[in-house]
């Protein structure tokens, strides 16, 4: 923690933290507050995110005693909604450009995010956009893995220390699938249903009229116990088929075949 604290202390002129409310950005924000920085926590919210995300981020920011704002992006540019393979690059470029506008309007000198070192080992085209925009990622730059970040969060007493990752809803669809708020809301509704029934790590991947549910292999039996409820919900939402992925939960399962360094 001393290394991270020292990194943030050297950032003079104030910082803005892109604050999703997840464990990574919470550790960055908590460190900036401990360092005595003039810091704003800003939650980016767009149609690609679950409607519940800003509320959770606001509660956590209040717990930490941080100045918090929600930057709402009402419309997503058409090229992003086409869900191309470089969607994350296009999206990060759009959202963080607007976040830089906020940062400068507030007279802050630096923009930070919660990218960790493990994120650089998988397909994350959005990281290229962050680099082009001059966003600082202290956790990644210092080599902090997700495991180390969670350990820090526990040390800080953060309530999100064990919170599962929650990437944007576009990741529930194969590349090339035209995205819509209606489709993404259905995926979000299915995941919300499952989380309410104890499945904290879950993805509802949508392939046309088929829902492919991912949960960790250890949770297969619990999922099967509620299969009739789940099937009924998915059918009510207009899906013809409901499947359980026998490989279990895999972060980035839509990125199979894509390398970390692919443009």
Foldseek 3Di string as FASTA:
>chain_A
DVVLLVVLLPFPFAEEEAFQLALLSLLNVLSNVVSVGNYEYEYEEELQADPCRVVNRVVLCVVSVHHYYYDYDYDDDQVLLQQAPLNLLVVLLVRVVVVVVVCVVVRGDAYEYRDAQVLLFFARSNVVSCVVVRHDHSRNVVRPDLVNSLVVCVVVVRPNSPQDDDDTLSLLEAGRDRDDSLVSVLQVVLVVVVVVLPQRDWGFRDDPLETEIAGAQVCVVVCVVCVVVSVVSSVVSPHDYYHYDNVHDDVSPSCPPPGSPDD
